[in-house]
N, C-alpha and C. Protein backbone atom coordinates (compact mmCIF):
# COMPACT_ATOMS: atom_id res chain seq x y z
N MET A 1 61.50 47.23 112.87
CA MET A 1 61.69 47.52 114.30
C MET A 1 62.98 48.33 114.49
N LEU A 2 64.05 47.95 113.84
CA LEU A 2 65.28 48.68 113.97
C LEU A 2 65.21 50.16 113.45
N LYS A 3 64.43 50.32 112.38
CA LYS A 3 64.19 51.68 111.85
C LYS A 3 63.52 52.53 112.94
N PHE A 4 62.52 51.94 113.54
CA PHE A 4 61.76 52.70 114.59
C PHE A 4 62.70 53.11 115.74
N VAL A 5 63.51 52.18 116.14
CA VAL A 5 64.46 52.51 117.28
C VAL A 5 65.48 53.54 116.87
N LEU A 6 65.95 53.47 115.64
CA LEU A 6 66.87 54.53 115.13
C LEU A 6 66.21 55.89 115.05
N ILE A 7 65.00 55.91 114.53
CA ILE A 7 64.23 57.20 114.44
C ILE A 7 64.05 57.81 115.84
N LEU A 8 63.71 56.92 116.82
CA LEU A 8 63.46 57.33 118.11
C LEU A 8 64.77 57.89 118.80
N VAL A 9 65.88 57.21 118.47
CA VAL A 9 67.19 57.71 119.02
C VAL A 9 67.55 59.03 118.44
N VAL A 10 67.25 59.22 117.12
CA VAL A 10 67.59 60.55 116.50
C VAL A 10 66.74 61.59 117.07
N ILE A 11 65.47 61.35 117.25
CA ILE A 11 64.55 62.33 117.85
C ILE A 11 64.97 62.71 119.24
N LEU A 12 65.34 61.69 120.01
CA LEU A 12 65.80 62.02 121.41
C LEU A 12 67.04 62.79 121.39
N SER A 13 67.95 62.48 120.50
CA SER A 13 69.19 63.20 120.44
C SER A 13 68.95 64.65 120.05
N VAL A 14 68.14 64.92 119.15
CA VAL A 14 67.80 66.31 118.72
C VAL A 14 67.19 67.02 119.92
N LEU A 15 66.21 66.35 120.63
CA LEU A 15 65.62 66.96 121.78
C LEU A 15 66.65 67.32 122.89
N LEU A 16 67.54 66.39 123.05
CA LEU A 16 68.57 66.66 124.04
C LEU A 16 69.44 67.83 123.62
N LEU A 17 69.81 67.84 122.35
CA LEU A 17 70.63 68.99 121.86
C LEU A 17 69.92 70.28 122.06
N LEU A 18 68.66 70.38 121.76
CA LEU A 18 67.81 71.58 121.91
C LEU A 18 67.80 71.97 123.34
N PHE A 19 67.59 71.03 124.26
CA PHE A 19 67.52 71.26 125.71
C PHE A 19 68.89 71.87 126.21
N LEU A 20 69.98 71.25 125.76
CA LEU A 20 71.27 71.77 126.16
C LEU A 20 71.56 73.17 125.66
N LEU A 21 71.14 73.43 124.39
CA LEU A 21 71.27 74.78 123.83
C LEU A 21 70.51 75.78 124.63
N TYR A 22 69.23 75.40 125.04
CA TYR A 22 68.44 76.29 125.86
C TYR A 22 69.03 76.59 127.21
N GLN A 23 69.62 75.50 127.83
CA GLN A 23 70.17 75.69 129.18
C GLN A 23 71.47 76.54 129.04
N SER A 24 72.24 76.36 128.05
CA SER A 24 73.50 77.14 127.92
C SER A 24 73.14 78.67 127.68
N GLN A 25 72.12 78.87 126.86
CA GLN A 25 71.67 80.33 126.64
C GLN A 25 71.17 80.89 127.93
N LYS A 26 70.40 80.17 128.68
CA LYS A 26 69.86 80.64 129.92
C LYS A 26 70.99 80.93 130.94
N MET A 27 72.04 80.09 131.02
CA MET A 27 73.13 80.34 131.89
C MET A 27 73.98 81.56 131.39
N LEU A 28 74.11 81.68 130.06
CA LEU A 28 74.87 82.80 129.55
C LEU A 28 74.18 84.13 129.79
N ARG A 29 72.85 84.17 129.70
CA ARG A 29 72.15 85.41 130.02
C ARG A 29 72.32 85.75 131.48
N HIS A 30 72.24 84.78 132.36
CA HIS A 30 72.36 84.97 133.78
C HIS A 30 73.76 85.51 134.14
N VAL A 31 74.75 84.96 133.53
CA VAL A 31 76.16 85.52 133.76
C VAL A 31 76.33 86.88 133.26
N GLN A 32 75.74 87.18 132.08
CA GLN A 32 75.89 88.50 131.54
C GLN A 32 75.19 89.55 132.44
N LYS A 33 73.98 89.15 132.97
CA LYS A 33 73.32 90.08 133.97
C LYS A 33 74.16 90.36 135.16
N GLN A 34 74.74 89.28 135.65
CA GLN A 34 75.59 89.45 136.89
C GLN A 34 76.79 90.36 136.58
N GLN A 35 77.38 90.13 135.41
CA GLN A 35 78.53 90.99 134.96
C GLN A 35 78.11 92.42 134.83
N ALA A 36 76.97 92.66 134.29
CA ALA A 36 76.46 94.05 134.16
C ALA A 36 76.28 94.69 135.51
N ILE A 37 75.69 93.92 136.44
CA ILE A 37 75.44 94.40 137.83
C ILE A 37 76.84 94.82 138.47
N GLU A 38 77.78 93.78 138.35
CA GLU A 38 79.14 94.08 138.87
C GLU A 38 79.78 95.35 138.27
N ASN A 39 79.67 95.47 136.95
CA ASN A 39 80.25 96.61 136.33
C ASN A 39 79.60 97.90 136.85
N LYS A 40 78.35 97.93 137.01
CA LYS A 40 77.66 99.14 137.58
C LYS A 40 78.10 99.32 138.98
N LYS A 41 78.21 98.31 139.78
CA LYS A 41 78.56 98.42 141.24
C LYS A 41 79.96 98.93 141.39
N TYR A 42 80.92 98.39 140.68
CA TYR A 42 82.32 98.71 140.92
C TYR A 42 82.81 99.81 139.93
N GLY A 43 82.05 100.14 138.91
CA GLY A 43 82.50 101.17 138.01
C GLY A 43 83.83 100.92 137.38
N LYS A 44 83.85 100.01 136.42
CA LYS A 44 85.05 99.70 135.67
C LYS A 44 85.64 100.96 135.04
N PRO A 45 86.88 101.30 135.31
CA PRO A 45 87.44 102.49 134.61
C PRO A 45 87.52 102.30 133.10
N ARG A 46 87.19 103.20 132.33
CA ARG A 46 87.17 103.09 130.85
C ARG A 46 88.31 103.94 130.23
N GLN A 47 88.90 103.53 129.19
CA GLN A 47 89.95 104.25 128.55
C GLN A 47 89.69 104.21 127.07
N LEU A 48 89.85 105.49 126.45
CA LEU A 48 89.68 105.58 125.05
C LEU A 48 90.87 104.97 124.26
N HIS A 49 90.54 104.50 123.11
CA HIS A 49 91.60 104.04 122.17
C HIS A 49 92.60 105.20 121.91
N PRO A 50 93.89 104.92 121.80
CA PRO A 50 94.85 106.02 121.65
C PRO A 50 94.63 106.93 120.47
N LYS A 51 94.06 106.43 119.36
CA LYS A 51 93.78 107.33 118.23
C LYS A 51 92.63 108.20 118.59
N LEU A 52 91.64 107.71 119.33
CA LEU A 52 90.53 108.56 119.75
C LEU A 52 91.03 109.63 120.78
N GLN A 53 91.97 109.24 121.61
CA GLN A 53 92.52 110.18 122.56
C GLN A 53 93.19 111.36 121.91
N GLN A 54 93.92 110.98 120.79
CA GLN A 54 94.64 112.07 120.03
C GLN A 54 93.62 112.99 119.40
N THR A 55 92.64 112.43 118.80
CA THR A 55 91.58 113.37 118.14
C THR A 55 90.86 114.17 119.14
N LYS A 56 90.60 113.60 120.30
CA LYS A 56 89.97 114.37 121.39
C LYS A 56 90.86 115.54 121.86
N LYS A 57 92.13 115.22 122.02
CA LYS A 57 93.09 116.26 122.41
C LYS A 57 93.22 117.36 121.32
N ASN A 58 93.16 116.96 120.13
CA ASN A 58 93.25 117.96 119.00
C ASN A 58 92.07 118.83 118.97
N GLN A 59 90.88 118.25 119.33
CA GLN A 59 89.60 119.05 119.35
C GLN A 59 89.62 120.08 120.45
N ASP A 60 90.25 119.74 121.56
CA ASP A 60 90.24 120.62 122.77
C ASP A 60 91.22 121.76 122.60
């Protein structure tokens, strides 16, 4: 009887862990989509790395 209860608890724990992992990934994807929309909307200014800026200036 005790083994059965322990197996059941382990199975439920694994199911809960998988459910929480699914929910966190779902929330993360939602936040990433919102961030991408905000970035497109407000146009985040971008800056090249200083080394890349130097090479770009040298090419011009």
